[in-house]
Structures are given as C-alpha cells and as structure tokens.
Amino acid sequence: NMPADLQLLASGALMTQALQAQRALQDEFGLVADIWSVTSYTELQRDGMTAERSQRRSTQPELPAAYVTTQLEGCSGPVIAVSDYVRAYPELIRPYVPQRYVTLGTDGFGRSATRPALRAFFEVDATEIVLTSLWALVDEGRFELDDLKKARKSKGRDQDTDAPWQM
C-alpha cells in the first residue's frame, strides 16, 4: 500500500463525491487520497474539547490528545473536509487537525434544479474536491501550480465567479 498524499474527510451524501474525487486524483494525477468517514463533527469537537480541558487541568505531563488528532497524526498531506452542511460544521474540529485543513460546505442559497448542479454551485462536488486537493498540495509545494491551472481549465472551473454565499 502506498502512503497517501492527502486525506479526505466526508460524510453522508457527499461520501460518494469524495470517493469519485479519490478515483480522479489517482487516475488523472497519480495521487493517493485516504478517505475518512466522519459520522459527527460535533462529537469529534466535544472529544477534542474534553482532551484539551483534561490537559489544561492536569498536572500529568502526557495526557491523550483528541481522537481526531491521534487518528490523523501519522498521516501525510493536507486534510480536505467536505460537508453538505455549512462549512462551520467541519470547522468545529480545526483545532484538533494537526495538518493543513481545508473545508468545503454548502454556504449560501441554492438555486439549482438537480443535485449535481447544486453540488457544483456550492463547490462541494467531486471536481471541486479534486481541485481543492490539488490547490492544497500546491500550497505545500507538492504539486505544480501550472498543473493546477491546466486541471482547472480542463474541468471548466478556471473562470472567476462569485462565491455561493455572495450570490
């Protein structure tokens, strides 16, 4: 098994989009993405707050870190989280993610007739997950900016548009 280049966190209906993005990253760019199923960002946040509180109040030098921290600690690359809720939801665990952390969510008001169009509008579809992953890897110096520009153009996402929450 090859070590992953990045980590994808997904839940619910967007797990399918993350799986499609994982395949596209592998097939089109030779990148390996591990997929993590997140059943509750709220519970992960509560666990993180509990671990932080225990560390803050204890006199013991080594107390366990948050669950999500211990799970992601040995992983490489950026962590991309995608949610079919507002970005604030995956943002709940930001303090406990030890890597570069990028969140995608459905902020704004949808005006699309189909689910694929709605996911594209909110920038949470497989294509946007791929492009966000590549952007995060560019930011870490592990993918070329010119290759990201080519990918955006080939996927028809190279035009500058207003953010969904500004429409």
N, C-alpha and C. Protein backbone atom coordinates (compact mmCIF):
# COMPACT_ATOMS: atom_id res chain seq x y z
N ASN A 1 0.83 -1.20 0.00
CA ASN A 1 0.00 0.00 0.00
C ASN A 1 0.88 1.26 0.00
N MET A 2 0.59 2.15 -0.92
CA MET A 2 1.34 3.40 -0.99
C MET A 2 0.85 4.36 0.08
N PRO A 3 1.76 5.13 0.68
CA PRO A 3 1.29 6.15 1.64
C PRO A 3 0.48 7.21 0.90
N ALA A 4 -0.54 7.70 1.55
CA ALA A 4 -1.43 8.67 0.91
C ALA A 4 -0.75 10.03 0.79
N ASP A 5 -1.12 10.75 -0.26
CA ASP A 5 -0.65 12.11 -0.47
C ASP A 5 -1.50 13.12 0.28
N LEU A 6 -2.75 12.75 0.57
CA LEU A 6 -3.66 13.64 1.27
C LEU A 6 -4.79 12.84 1.88
N GLN A 7 -5.58 13.51 2.71
CA GLN A 7 -6.68 12.89 3.44
C GLN A 7 -7.98 13.60 3.06
N LEU A 8 -9.03 12.83 2.80
CA LEU A 8 -10.35 13.40 2.52
C LEU A 8 -11.31 12.98 3.61
N LEU A 9 -11.95 13.94 4.25
CA LEU A 9 -12.97 13.67 5.25
C LEU A 9 -14.32 13.94 4.61
N ALA A 10 -15.25 13.02 4.75
CA ALA A 10 -16.57 13.20 4.16
C ALA A 10 -17.62 12.52 5.00
N SER A 11 -18.86 12.91 4.77
CA SER A 11 -19.96 12.29 5.49
C SER A 11 -21.22 12.32 4.65
N GLY A 12 -22.12 11.45 4.99
CA GLY A 12 -23.43 11.45 4.38
C GLY A 12 -23.41 11.36 2.87
N ALA A 13 -24.25 12.17 2.25
CA ALA A 13 -24.44 12.14 0.80
C ALA A 13 -23.17 12.50 0.04
N LEU A 14 -22.27 13.23 0.67
CA LEU A 14 -21.06 13.65 -0.04
C LEU A 14 -19.94 12.61 0.00
N MET A 15 -20.17 11.49 0.68
CA MET A 15 -19.18 10.41 0.65
C MET A 15 -18.98 9.93 -0.79
N THR A 16 -20.05 9.84 -1.56
CA THR A 16 -19.95 9.43 -2.96
C THR A 16 -19.06 10.40 -3.75
N GLN A 17 -19.21 11.69 -3.49
CA GLN A 17 -18.39 12.70 -4.18
C GLN A 17 -16.92 12.54 -3.79
N ALA A 18 -16.66 12.26 -2.53
CA ALA A 18 -15.28 12.06 -2.07
C ALA A 18 -14.67 10.82 -2.72
N LEU A 19 -15.45 9.76 -2.84
CA LEU A 19 -14.96 8.54 -3.49
C LEU A 19 -14.66 8.79 -4.96
N GLN A 20 -15.51 9.55 -5.63
CA GLN A 20 -15.26 9.91 -7.03
C GLN A 20 -14.00 10.76 -7.14
N ALA A 21 -13.82 11.70 -6.21
CA ALA A 21 -12.63 12.55 -6.21
C ALA A 21 -11.38 11.70 -5.98
N GLN A 22 -11.47 10.73 -5.07
CA GLN A 22 -10.35 9.84 -4.79
C GLN A 22 -9.92 9.12 -6.07
N ARG A 23 -10.88 8.60 -6.82
CA ARG A 23 -10.57 7.91 -8.07
C ARG A 23 -9.95 8.86 -9.09
N ALA A 24 -10.50 10.06 -9.21
CA ALA A 24 -9.98 11.04 -10.17
C ALA A 24 -8.56 11.47 -9.80
N LEU A 25 -8.31 11.69 -8.52
CA LEU A 25 -6.96 12.07 -8.08
C LEU A 25 -5.96 10.99 -8.46
N GLN A 26 -6.34 9.73 -8.28
CA GLN A 26 -5.47 8.61 -8.61
C GLN A 26 -5.30 8.47 -10.12
N ASP A 27 -6.41 8.43 -10.84
CA ASP A 27 -6.37 8.16 -12.28
C ASP A 27 -5.77 9.30 -13.09
N GLU A 28 -6.08 10.54 -12.71
CA GLU A 28 -5.65 11.69 -13.51
C GLU A 28 -4.33 12.29 -13.06
N PHE A 29 -4.00 12.14 -11.77
CA PHE A 29 -2.82 12.84 -11.24
C PHE A 29 -1.85 11.93 -10.50
N GLY A 30 -2.18 10.64 -10.38
CA GLY A 30 -1.31 9.70 -9.69
C GLY A 30 -1.19 9.97 -8.20
N LEU A 31 -2.21 10.61 -7.62
CA LEU A 31 -2.19 10.96 -6.20
C LEU A 31 -3.08 9.99 -5.41
N VAL A 32 -2.61 9.61 -4.24
CA VAL A 32 -3.36 8.70 -3.38
C VAL A 32 -4.01 9.50 -2.27
N ALA A 33 -5.32 9.35 -2.15
CA ALA A 33 -6.07 10.02 -1.09
C ALA A 33 -6.72 8.97 -0.20
N ASP A 34 -6.49 9.08 1.09
CA ASP A 34 -7.23 8.25 2.04
C ASP A 34 -8.56 8.92 2.31
N ILE A 35 -9.59 8.11 2.49
CA ILE A 35 -10.93 8.63 2.78
C ILE A 35 -11.29 8.29 4.22
N TRP A 36 -11.80 9.28 4.92
CA TRP A 36 -12.24 9.11 6.30
C TRP A 36 -13.72 9.44 6.37
N SER A 37 -14.50 8.56 6.96
CA SER A 37 -15.93 8.80 7.15
C SER A 37 -16.13 9.48 8.50
N VAL A 38 -16.71 10.65 8.46
CA VAL A 38 -16.96 11.40 9.70
C VAL A 38 -18.45 11.29 10.01
N THR A 39 -18.74 10.63 11.11
CA THR A 39 -20.15 10.45 11.48
C THR A 39 -20.69 11.63 12.28
N SER A 40 -19.81 12.36 12.98
CA SER A 40 -20.27 13.52 13.75
C SER A 40 -19.12 14.46 14.06
N TYR A 41 -19.11 15.60 13.38
CA TYR A 41 -18.11 16.63 13.70
C TYR A 41 -18.35 17.16 15.12
N THR A 42 -19.62 17.19 15.53
CA THR A 42 -19.95 17.68 16.87
C THR A 42 -19.33 16.80 17.94
N GLU A 43 -19.44 15.48 17.78
CA GLU A 43 -18.85 14.57 18.77
C GLU A 43 -17.32 14.65 18.75
N LEU A 44 -16.73 14.80 17.56
CA LEU A 44 -15.27 14.95 17.49
C LEU A 44 -14.84 16.25 18.19
N GLN A 45 -15.63 17.30 18.03
CA GLN A 45 -15.31 18.55 18.73
C GLN A 45 -15.41 18.39 20.24
N ARG A 46 -16.47 17.74 20.69
CA ARG A 46 -16.64 17.53 22.14
C ARG A 46 -15.46 16.72 22.70
N ASP A 47 -15.06 15.68 21.97
CA ASP A 47 -13.91 14.88 22.39
C ASP A 47 -12.66 15.76 22.45
N GLY A 48 -12.46 16.60 21.45
CA GLY A 48 -11.30 17.49 21.43
C GLY A 48 -11.32 18.47 22.59
N MET A 49 -12.48 19.04 22.87
CA MET A 49 -12.59 19.98 24.00
C MET A 49 -12.32 19.27 25.31
N THR A 50 -12.80 18.02 25.43
CA THR A 50 -12.58 17.25 26.65
C THR A 50 -11.09 16.96 26.83
N ALA A 51 -10.42 16.54 25.76
CA ALA A 51 -8.98 16.27 25.83
C ALA A 51 -8.21 17.54 26.19
N GLU A 52 -8.59 18.64 25.57
CA GLU A 52 -7.93 19.92 25.85
C GLU A 52 -8.14 20.34 27.30
N ARG A 53 -9.35 20.17 27.80
CA ARG A 53 -9.65 20.52 29.19
C ARG A 53 -8.84 19.65 30.14
N SER A 54 -8.79 18.35 29.86
CA SER A 54 -8.03 17.45 30.73
C SER A 54 -6.56 17.85 30.77
N GLN A 55 -6.01 18.19 29.61
CA GLN A 55 -4.61 18.62 29.54
C GLN A 55 -4.40 19.92 30.33
N ARG A 56 -5.35 20.82 30.21
CA ARG A 56 -5.25 22.12 30.87
C ARG A 56 -5.32 22.01 32.38
N ARG A 57 -6.10 21.07 32.87
CA ARG A 57 -6.36 20.96 34.30
C ARG A 57 -5.48 19.94 35.01
N SER A 58 -4.71 19.18 34.26
CA SER A 58 -3.94 18.09 34.84
C SER A 58 -2.52 18.52 35.16
N THR A 59 -1.93 17.82 36.10
CA THR A 59 -0.51 18.01 36.40
C THR A 59 0.32 16.90 35.79
N GLN A 60 -0.33 15.94 35.12
CA GLN A 60 0.39 14.86 34.46
C GLN A 60 0.95 15.36 33.14
N PRO A 61 2.19 15.00 32.83
CA PRO A 61 2.81 15.54 31.61
C PRO A 61 2.22 15.05 30.31
N GLU A 62 1.81 13.80 30.23
CA GLU A 62 1.33 13.23 28.97
C GLU A 62 -0.10 12.72 29.11
N LEU A 63 -1.03 13.47 28.57
CA LEU A 63 -2.41 13.01 28.53
C LEU A 63 -2.80 12.79 27.07
N PRO A 64 -3.73 11.89 26.81
CA PRO A 64 -4.11 11.63 25.42
C PRO A 64 -4.64 12.88 24.71
N ALA A 65 -4.31 12.96 23.44
CA ALA A 65 -4.82 14.06 22.61
C ALA A 65 -6.23 13.71 22.14
N ALA A 66 -6.84 14.64 21.44
CA ALA A 66 -8.17 14.41 20.87
C ALA A 66 -8.12 13.21 19.93
N TYR A 67 -9.22 12.50 19.84
CA TYR A 67 -9.31 11.31 18.98
C TYR A 67 -8.93 11.63 17.54
N VAL A 68 -9.49 12.69 16.99
CA VAL A 68 -9.19 13.03 15.60
C VAL A 68 -7.71 13.36 15.41
N THR A 69 -7.11 13.96 16.42
CA THR A 69 -5.68 14.28 16.36
C THR A 69 -4.86 13.00 16.30
N THR A 70 -5.18 12.05 17.16
CA THR A 70 -4.40 10.80 17.20
C THR A 70 -4.60 10.01 15.92
N GLN A 71 -5.79 10.08 15.32
CA GLN A 71 -6.04 9.34 14.08
C GLN A 71 -5.27 9.94 12.90
N LEU A 72 -5.17 11.26 12.84
CA LEU A 72 -4.55 11.94 11.70
C LEU A 72 -3.06 12.21 11.88
N GLU A 73 -2.55 12.07 13.10
CA GLU A 73 -1.15 12.42 13.39
C GLU A 73 -0.13 11.79 12.45
N GLY A 74 -0.27 10.52 12.16
CA GLY A 74 0.72 9.84 11.34
C GLY A 74 0.47 9.96 9.84
N CYS A 75 -0.54 10.71 9.45
CA CYS A 75 -0.91 10.82 8.04
C CYS A 75 -0.16 11.96 7.37
N SER A 76 0.01 11.84 6.06
CA SER A 76 0.71 12.89 5.33
C SER A 76 -0.27 13.71 4.51
N GLY A 77 0.19 14.89 4.15
CA GLY A 77 -0.57 15.75 3.25
C GLY A 77 -1.67 16.52 3.93
N PRO A 78 -2.29 17.39 3.15
CA PRO A 78 -3.38 18.20 3.69
C PRO A 78 -4.62 17.35 3.95
N VAL A 79 -5.50 17.88 4.77
CA VAL A 79 -6.78 17.24 5.08
C VAL A 79 -7.86 18.13 4.48
N ILE A 80 -8.67 17.53 3.61
CA ILE A 80 -9.77 18.25 2.96
C ILE A 80 -11.07 17.67 3.50
N ALA A 81 -11.90 18.51 4.10
CA ALA A 81 -13.19 18.05 4.63
C ALA A 81 -14.31 18.62 3.77
N VAL A 82 -15.26 17.76 3.42
CA VAL A 82 -16.40 18.21 2.61
C VAL A 82 -17.69 17.82 3.33
N SER A 83 -18.60 18.78 3.39
CA SER A 83 -19.86 18.56 4.10
C SER A 83 -21.02 19.10 3.27
N ASP A 84 -22.18 18.45 3.39
CA ASP A 84 -23.36 19.01 2.74
C ASP A 84 -24.10 19.96 3.68
N TYR A 85 -23.43 20.34 4.76
CA TYR A 85 -23.89 21.41 5.65
C TYR A 85 -22.96 22.61 5.45
N VAL A 86 -23.22 23.69 6.15
CA VAL A 86 -22.35 24.87 6.06
C VAL A 86 -20.94 24.51 6.52
N ARG A 87 -19.97 25.26 6.04
CA ARG A 87 -18.57 24.99 6.37
C ARG A 87 -18.30 25.06 7.87
N ALA A 88 -19.12 25.79 8.60
CA ALA A 88 -18.92 25.91 10.04
C ALA A 88 -18.93 24.54 10.71
N TYR A 89 -19.64 23.59 10.12
CA TYR A 89 -19.74 22.26 10.72
C TYR A 89 -18.38 21.54 10.71
N PRO A 90 -17.72 21.33 9.56
CA PRO A 90 -16.39 20.71 9.62
C PRO A 90 -15.34 21.61 10.28
N GLU A 91 -15.60 22.91 10.34
CA GLU A 91 -14.68 23.82 11.01
C GLU A 91 -14.60 23.55 12.52
N LEU A 92 -15.60 22.85 13.07
CA LEU A 92 -15.62 22.55 14.50
C LEU A 92 -14.37 21.83 14.98
N ILE A 93 -13.73 21.05 14.09
CA ILE A 93 -12.59 20.25 14.54
C ILE A 93 -11.24 20.85 14.13
N ARG A 94 -11.24 22.03 13.53
CA ARG A 94 -9.98 22.65 13.08
C ARG A 94 -8.88 22.62 14.16
N PRO A 95 -9.18 22.97 15.42
CA PRO A 95 -8.08 22.99 16.42
C PRO A 95 -7.43 21.64 16.65
N TYR A 96 -8.09 20.57 16.25
CA TYR A 96 -7.62 19.23 16.57
C TYR A 96 -7.03 18.49 15.36
N VAL A 97 -7.01 19.16 14.20
CA VAL A 97 -6.43 18.57 12.99
C VAL A 97 -5.00 19.06 12.87
N PRO A 98 -4.02 18.16 12.95
CA PRO A 98 -2.62 18.59 13.00
C PRO A 98 -2.02 19.04 11.66
N GLN A 99 -2.70 18.76 10.55
CA GLN A 99 -2.20 19.13 9.23
C GLN A 99 -2.91 20.39 8.72
N ARG A 100 -2.47 20.81 7.53
CA ARG A 100 -3.19 21.84 6.77
C ARG A 100 -4.61 21.35 6.61
N TYR A 101 -5.61 22.18 6.93
CA TYR A 101 -7.00 21.76 6.94
C TYR A 101 -7.83 22.71 6.09
N VAL A 102 -8.52 22.17 5.09
CA VAL A 102 -9.35 22.96 4.19
C VAL A 102 -10.76 22.38 4.24
N THR A 103 -11.77 23.26 4.39
CA THR A 103 -13.15 22.79 4.48
C THR A 103 -13.98 23.31 3.31
N LEU A 104 -14.89 22.45 2.86
CA LEU A 104 -15.85 22.80 1.83
C LEU A 104 -17.24 22.52 2.39
N GLY A 105 -18.17 23.44 2.15
CA GLY A 105 -19.53 23.25 2.64
C GLY A 105 -20.52 24.02 1.80
N THR A 106 -21.78 23.88 2.14
CA THR A 106 -22.85 24.45 1.33
C THR A 106 -23.34 25.78 1.89
N ASP A 107 -22.45 26.77 1.89
CA ASP A 107 -22.83 28.10 2.37
C ASP A 107 -23.54 28.87 1.26
N GLY A 108 -24.63 29.52 1.61
CA GLY A 108 -25.37 30.31 0.62
C GLY A 108 -26.74 29.70 0.37
N PHE A 109 -27.37 30.15 -0.69
CA PHE A 109 -28.70 29.70 -1.03
C PHE A 109 -28.67 29.01 -2.38
N GLY A 110 -29.11 27.77 -2.45
CA GLY A 110 -29.07 27.01 -3.69
C GLY A 110 -30.19 27.39 -4.63
N ARG A 111 -29.86 27.45 -5.91
CA ARG A 111 -30.86 27.79 -6.92
C ARG A 111 -30.76 26.82 -8.10
N SER A 112 -30.49 25.56 -7.82
CA SER A 112 -30.27 24.60 -8.90
C SER A 112 -31.35 23.54 -8.89
N ALA A 113 -31.69 23.08 -10.07
CA ALA A 113 -32.79 22.12 -10.22
C ALA A 113 -32.37 20.68 -9.89
N THR A 114 -31.09 20.36 -10.07
CA THR A 114 -30.65 18.98 -9.83
C THR A 114 -29.58 18.94 -8.75
N ARG A 115 -29.44 17.77 -8.14
CA ARG A 115 -28.41 17.63 -7.11
C ARG A 115 -27.00 17.84 -7.65
N PRO A 116 -26.65 17.28 -8.82
CA PRO A 116 -25.30 17.55 -9.35
C PRO A 116 -25.04 19.05 -9.57
N ALA A 117 -26.05 19.75 -10.09
CA ALA A 117 -25.89 21.20 -10.30
C ALA A 117 -25.76 21.93 -8.97
N LEU A 118 -26.53 21.48 -7.98
CA LEU A 118 -26.46 22.10 -6.65
C LEU A 118 -25.08 21.89 -6.02
N ARG A 119 -24.54 20.68 -6.14
CA ARG A 119 -23.20 20.40 -5.59
C ARG A 119 -22.14 21.22 -6.31
N ALA A 120 -22.28 21.38 -7.62
CA ALA A 120 -21.33 22.22 -8.37
C ALA A 120 -21.47 23.67 -7.93
N PHE A 121 -22.71 24.15 -7.78
CA PHE A 121 -22.95 25.53 -7.35
C PHE A 121 -22.29 25.80 -6.00
N PHE A 122 -22.45 24.88 -5.06
CA PHE A 122 -21.89 25.05 -3.72
C PHE A 122 -20.41 24.67 -3.63
N GLU A 123 -19.86 24.20 -4.73
CA GLU A 123 -18.44 23.83 -4.79
C GLU A 123 -18.09 22.71 -3.81
N VAL A 124 -18.95 21.69 -3.78
CA VAL A 124 -18.71 20.51 -2.94
C VAL A 124 -18.77 19.22 -3.76
N ASP A 125 -18.76 19.32 -5.08
CA ASP A 125 -18.81 18.13 -5.92
C ASP A 125 -17.42 17.52 -6.06
N ALA A 126 -17.35 16.35 -6.70
CA ALA A 126 -16.07 15.64 -6.84
C ALA A 126 -15.02 16.50 -7.53
N THR A 127 -15.43 17.25 -8.56
CA THR A 127 -14.49 18.11 -9.27
C THR A 127 -13.87 19.15 -8.34
N GLU A 128 -14.70 19.77 -7.52
CA GLU A 128 -14.17 20.79 -6.60
C GLU A 128 -13.30 20.17 -5.52
N ILE A 129 -13.63 18.98 -5.08
CA ILE A 129 -12.80 18.28 -4.10
C ILE A 129 -11.41 18.02 -4.70
N VAL A 130 -11.38 17.57 -5.96
CA VAL A 130 -10.11 17.33 -6.66
C VAL A 130 -9.31 18.63 -6.75
N LEU A 131 -9.95 19.70 -7.23
CA LEU A 131 -9.24 20.96 -7.43
C LEU A 131 -8.77 21.57 -6.10
N THR A 132 -9.57 21.43 -5.07
CA THR A 132 -9.18 21.91 -3.74
C THR A 132 -7.99 21.11 -3.21
N SER A 133 -8.02 19.81 -3.44
CA SER A 133 -6.91 18.95 -3.02
C SER A 133 -5.62 19.36 -3.73
N LEU A 134 -5.71 19.58 -5.03
CA LEU A 134 -4.52 19.99 -5.80
C LEU A 134 -4.01 21.35 -5.32
N TRP A 135 -4.93 22.28 -5.05
CA TRP A 135 -4.55 23.60 -4.55
C TRP A 135 -3.81 23.49 -3.22
N ALA A 136 -4.32 22.66 -2.32
CA ALA A 136 -3.66 22.49 -1.02
C ALA A 136 -2.27 21.88 -1.19
N LEU A 137 -2.14 20.96 -2.14
CA LEU A 137 -0.82 20.36 -2.41
C LEU A 137 0.13 21.37 -3.05
N VAL A 138 -0.39 22.26 -3.90
CA VAL A 138 0.43 23.36 -4.45
C VAL A 138 0.94 24.21 -3.30
N ASP A 139 0.05 24.52 -2.39
CA ASP A 139 0.40 25.37 -1.25
C ASP A 139 1.49 24.75 -0.39
N GLU A 140 1.55 23.42 -0.37
CA GLU A 140 2.58 22.71 0.40
C GLU A 140 3.83 22.43 -0.45
N GLY A 141 3.82 22.89 -1.71
CA GLY A 141 4.97 22.67 -2.58
C GLY A 141 5.07 21.25 -3.10
N ARG A 142 3.95 20.51 -3.13
CA ARG A 142 3.97 19.12 -3.55
C ARG A 142 3.23 18.87 -4.86
N PHE A 143 2.78 19.96 -5.50
CA PHE A 143 2.13 19.87 -6.80
C PHE A 143 2.40 21.19 -7.52
N GLU A 144 2.53 21.14 -8.82
CA GLU A 144 2.90 22.33 -9.59
C GLU A 144 1.70 23.22 -9.88
N LEU A 145 1.88 24.53 -9.69
CA LEU A 145 0.82 25.50 -9.95
C LEU A 145 0.35 25.43 -11.40
N ASP A 146 1.27 25.29 -12.34
CA ASP A 146 0.88 25.21 -13.75
C ASP A 146 -0.02 24.00 -14.01
N ASP A 147 0.26 22.89 -13.32
CA ASP A 147 -0.58 21.70 -13.48
C ASP A 147 -1.97 21.93 -12.88
N LEU A 148 -2.05 22.69 -11.79
CA LEU A 148 -3.34 23.04 -11.21
C LEU A 148 -4.12 23.92 -12.19
N LYS A 149 -3.46 24.89 -12.80
CA LYS A 149 -4.13 25.76 -13.78
C LYS A 149 -4.67 24.93 -14.94
N LYS A 150 -3.89 23.98 -15.43
CA LYS A 150 -4.34 23.10 -16.52
C LYS A 150 -5.55 22.27 -16.08
N ALA A 151 -5.49 21.76 -14.85
CA ALA A 151 -6.61 20.95 -14.34
C ALA A 151 -7.88 21.80 -14.24
N ARG A 152 -7.75 23.01 -13.74
CA ARG A 152 -8.93 23.89 -13.63
C ARG A 152 -9.53 24.15 -15.02
N LYS A 153 -8.66 24.41 -15.98
CA LYS A 153 -9.13 24.69 -17.34
C LYS A 153 -9.80 23.46 -17.95
N SER A 154 -9.18 22.29 -17.79
CA SER A 154 -9.74 21.08 -18.39
C SER A 154 -11.08 20.70 -17.76
N LYS A 155 -11.31 21.11 -16.52
CA LYS A 155 -12.57 20.79 -15.84
C LYS A 155 -13.58 21.93 -15.93
N GLY A 156 -13.21 23.00 -16.67
CA GLY A 156 -14.13 24.11 -16.85
C GLY A 156 -14.35 24.94 -15.61
N ARG A 157 -13.38 24.95 -14.71
CA ARG A 157 -13.52 25.71 -13.46
C ARG A 157 -12.42 26.78 -13.34
N ASP A 158 -12.03 27.33 -14.48
CA ASP A 158 -10.96 28.33 -14.45
C ASP A 158 -11.49 29.76 -14.50
N GLN A 159 -12.80 29.94 -14.60
CA GLN A 159 -13.36 31.28 -14.59
C GLN A 159 -13.56 31.74 -13.16
N ASP A 160 -13.36 33.02 -12.94
CA ASP A 160 -13.58 33.57 -11.61
C ASP A 160 -15.07 33.88 -11.47
N THR A 161 -15.71 33.30 -10.49
CA THR A 161 -17.13 33.53 -10.25
C THR A 161 -17.32 33.98 -8.80
N ASP A 162 -18.49 34.54 -8.51
CA ASP A 162 -18.80 34.91 -7.14
C ASP A 162 -18.94 33.64 -6.28
N ALA A 163 -18.57 33.77 -5.03
CA ALA A 163 -18.74 32.66 -4.09
C ALA A 163 -20.23 32.43 -3.86
N PRO A 164 -20.61 31.18 -3.61
CA PRO A 164 -22.04 30.88 -3.43
C PRO A 164 -22.70 31.73 -2.34
N TRP A 165 -21.99 32.07 -1.30
CA TRP A 165 -22.58 32.85 -0.21
C TRP A 165 -22.69 34.34 -0.56
N GLN A 166 -22.17 34.75 -1.72
CA GLN A 166 -22.27 36.14 -2.14
C GLN A 166 -23.36 36.33 -3.19
N MET A 167 -23.99 35.26 -3.60
CA MET A 167 -24.98 35.35 -4.69
C MET A 167 -26.37 35.57 -4.14
